[in-house]
Structures are given as C-alpha cells and as structure tokens.
Protein backbone atom coordinates (compact mmCIF):
# COMPACT_ATOMS: atom_id res chain seq x y z
CA MET A 1 -32.03 12.04 -30.35
CA GLN A 2 -29.13 12.48 -32.78
CA THR A 3 -25.38 12.64 -32.07
CA MET A 4 -23.43 15.85 -32.66
CA ILE A 5 -19.99 16.15 -34.29
CA GLY A 6 -17.43 14.56 -31.96
CA GLU A 7 -20.09 12.59 -30.11
CA VAL A 8 -19.67 8.85 -29.90
CA LEU A 9 -23.20 8.33 -28.62
CA ARG A 10 -26.22 10.06 -27.10
CA VAL A 11 -28.85 7.97 -25.28
CA THR A 12 -31.74 8.12 -22.85
CA LEU A 13 -31.88 5.52 -20.08
CA PRO A 14 -34.11 4.85 -17.08
CA LEU A 15 -32.94 6.20 -13.75
CA PRO A 16 -30.52 3.81 -12.04
CA PRO A 17 -30.99 2.77 -8.43
CA GLY A 18 -29.29 4.89 -5.79
CA ILE A 19 -25.92 3.78 -4.46
CA ASN A 20 -27.42 2.31 -1.27
CA ALA A 21 -29.82 0.17 -3.30
CA SER A 22 -27.15 -0.87 -5.83
CA TYR A 23 -24.70 -2.78 -3.66
CA LYS A 24 -25.05 -5.31 -0.87
CA SER A 25 -22.45 -6.97 1.33
CA GLY A 26 -22.07 -10.45 2.66
CA ARG A 27 -19.29 -12.84 3.55
CA GLY A 28 -16.82 -9.97 3.61
CA ARG A 29 -17.42 -8.71 0.08
CA PHE A 30 -19.64 -6.32 -1.88
CA TYR A 31 -21.82 -7.39 -4.79
CA GLY A 32 -24.44 -5.88 -7.08
CA SER A 33 -28.02 -6.02 -5.85
CA ASP A 34 -31.02 -7.46 -7.71
CA GLU A 35 -32.15 -3.87 -8.29
CA LEU A 36 -28.82 -3.02 -9.95
CA ARG A 37 -28.94 -6.15 -12.13
CA SER A 38 -32.50 -5.26 -13.15
CA PHE A 39 -31.43 -1.72 -14.09
CA LYS A 40 -28.51 -3.03 -16.17
CA GLN A 41 -30.80 -5.44 -18.05
CA GLU A 42 -33.30 -2.66 -18.79
CA ALA A 43 -30.46 -0.27 -19.73
CA HIS A 44 -29.00 -2.82 -22.16
CA ALA A 45 -32.42 -3.21 -23.80
CA LYS A 46 -32.79 0.59 -24.11
CA LEU A 47 -29.23 0.89 -25.47
CA TYR A 48 -29.98 -1.77 -28.07
CA MET A 49 -33.11 0.13 -29.17
CA GLN A 50 -31.03 3.34 -29.52
CA LYS A 51 -28.01 1.79 -31.25
CA GLY A 52 -28.71 4.01 -34.27
CA ASN A 53 -27.54 6.93 -32.10
CA PHE A 54 -24.04 5.43 -31.77
CA ASP A 55 -21.12 6.37 -34.02
CA TRP A 56 -20.07 2.75 -34.54
CA MET A 57 -17.16 3.64 -36.84
CA THR A 58 -15.60 5.82 -34.13
CA ILE A 59 -16.26 3.15 -31.48
CA TYR A 60 -14.54 0.57 -33.71
CA HIS A 61 -11.50 2.85 -34.17
CA ILE A 62 -11.30 3.43 -30.40
CA GLN A 63 -11.45 -0.34 -29.81
CA LYS A 64 -8.65 -1.00 -32.34
CA ALA A 65 -6.42 1.98 -31.44
CA LYS A 66 -2.92 1.13 -30.21
CA GLY A 67 -3.05 4.03 -27.76
CA LYS A 68 -5.73 5.28 -25.42
CA ILE A 69 -8.40 7.61 -26.85
CA PRO A 70 -9.64 9.94 -24.08
CA LEU A 71 -13.39 10.44 -23.78
CA SER A 72 -15.71 12.92 -22.12
CA ILE A 73 -19.12 12.00 -20.67
CA THR A 74 -22.09 14.18 -19.75
CA ILE A 75 -24.83 12.68 -17.59
CA ASP A 76 -28.12 14.51 -16.97
CA PHE A 77 -30.29 12.92 -14.30
CA TYR A 78 -33.93 14.04 -14.45
CA PHE A 79 -35.47 13.28 -11.04
CA PRO A 80 -39.04 13.90 -9.85
CA THR A 81 -37.52 16.27 -7.26
CA LEU A 82 -34.06 17.70 -6.64
CA TRP A 83 -33.78 16.73 -3.02
CA ARG A 84 -34.34 12.97 -2.65
CA ARG A 85 -31.30 11.58 -4.50
CA ASP A 86 -27.59 12.29 -4.53
CA ILE A 87 -26.15 13.52 -7.83
CA ASP A 88 -23.42 10.89 -7.93
CA GLY A 89 -25.25 7.78 -6.73
CA GLY A 90 -26.17 6.44 -10.17
CA GLU A 91 -23.11 7.45 -12.18
CA LYS A 92 -21.25 4.14 -11.91
CA ALA A 93 -24.26 2.04 -12.93
CA VAL A 94 -24.92 4.23 -15.98
CA ILE A 95 -21.28 4.33 -17.08
CA ASP A 96 -20.83 0.57 -16.58
CA ALA A 97 -23.97 -0.25 -18.60
CA ILE A 98 -22.98 1.98 -21.53
CA PHE A 99 -19.33 0.97 -21.71
CA ASP A 100 -20.18 -2.71 -21.38
CA CYS A 101 -22.59 -2.34 -24.30
CA ILE A 102 -20.07 -0.64 -26.61
CA GLY A 103 -17.12 -2.82 -25.59
CA LEU A 104 -14.88 -0.06 -24.24
CA ASN A 105 -13.13 0.33 -20.90
CA ASP A 106 -14.55 3.21 -18.88
CA ASN A 107 -11.02 4.19 -17.83
CA LEU A 108 -10.96 6.08 -21.16
CA ILE A 109 -13.13 8.75 -19.49
CA VAL A 110 -10.94 11.72 -18.57
CA GLU A 111 -13.72 14.28 -18.14
CA LYS A 112 -17.18 13.91 -16.58
CA TYR A 113 -20.06 16.34 -16.17
CA THR A 114 -23.10 15.36 -14.14
CA ARG A 115 -26.21 17.47 -13.69
CA LYS A 116 -29.27 16.95 -11.55
CA LEU A 117 -32.47 18.30 -13.09
CA VAL A 118 -36.21 17.96 -12.47
CA ASP A 119 -38.86 16.29 -14.62
CA ARG A 120 -41.75 15.08 -12.49
CA GLU A 121 -43.55 13.55 -15.48
CA ARG A 122 -40.66 11.64 -17.09
CA PRO A 123 -37.73 10.82 -14.78
CA ARG A 124 -34.77 9.57 -16.82
CA CYS A 125 -31.06 9.76 -17.48
CA GLU A 126 -29.66 11.34 -20.65
CA VAL A 127 -26.04 10.59 -21.53
CA ALA A 128 -23.62 11.83 -24.18
CA VAL A 129 -20.13 10.37 -24.71
CA SER A 130 -17.74 12.44 -26.82
CA LEU A 131 -14.15 12.47 -27.94
CA PHE A 132 -11.97 14.52 -25.61
CA HIS A 133 -9.57 16.93 -27.31
CA ARG A 134 -5.98 15.70 -26.81
CA THR A 135 -4.54 19.22 -27.00
CA GLN A 136 -6.38 20.09 -23.82
CA LEU A 137 -5.14 16.90 -22.15
CA ARG A 138 -1.51 17.61 -23.11
CA LYS A 139 -1.75 21.22 -21.99
CA ASP A 140 -3.19 20.21 -18.62
CA ALA A 141 -0.54 17.49 -18.18
CA SER A 142 2.34 19.86 -18.99
CA GLU A 143 1.04 22.46 -16.52
CA SER A 144 1.03 19.93 -13.68
CA ARG A 145 4.77 19.17 -13.97
C-alpha cells in the first residue's frame, strides 16, 4: 500500500475491539481493558512493519510547526458482516494507536470519514491520514461567524 500526494500515511491494522470490550470501570473511574491493550500492542507492531508507508518528512514538519497543521483521516472497517458492530466503536482505539506511533496529537484531526464494509475472509481496518486544506478550514470558519 503506497501513500498518495498529500497523504501522511496509509496503513492496514487488525480490527480493534468494540467500545464495550475496550473500557472497564472500577473504583469510580474508566480504564482500558486487556483486550484494548492487546490491540494497541498488535497495532504498534503492524505500524512498525508498515513504517515505509509513512511520509516521515511531513510528520517531522508537523511535529516542529509553530502552529497547528489540520489533518483529515479516513477509516475503513472491513467486518465479516455489516450488522454485528457499530461503525464508531473502534475509531478511538485506531486513532490513538496511530497518533501515538507517529508522535502527534490527535486533536489535529479536523475531518474524519469512517466507512463500514464487508470482507468475510480478511476482516481489517484500513486508515489514511492526509493534510487538510487550510483554505477549506478558513472558508468554513468565516461562514460560521
């Protein structure tokens, strides 16, 4: 899988656990489950194996920028069936794993697309992170005044 112009990275990850399996509560607080920790460890290993698909120069410039650089993310979940999982249940785990790996804050995401697709043979998650065009951000901000 190769990145396109404007893409910071494009990767394939295992499916994350659903939201109900990701977080537990106890003593008045929420914490990540063993299943979530296991996913993040596997995701980090997969990210490391795919590091050639990252535009490291752009990531470096985003890390060193004095201002915020807005990003867009597209997440395609390929489930064995459409109807057993929510579309948004794994987004946080996927975003956290990727942004932890590349050393960026996920608050740079200003646009997110998530799709739920079917692949019975090879369930997975495909993710692309791209630069978001500032002109669109400025236009949208000026229209909301």
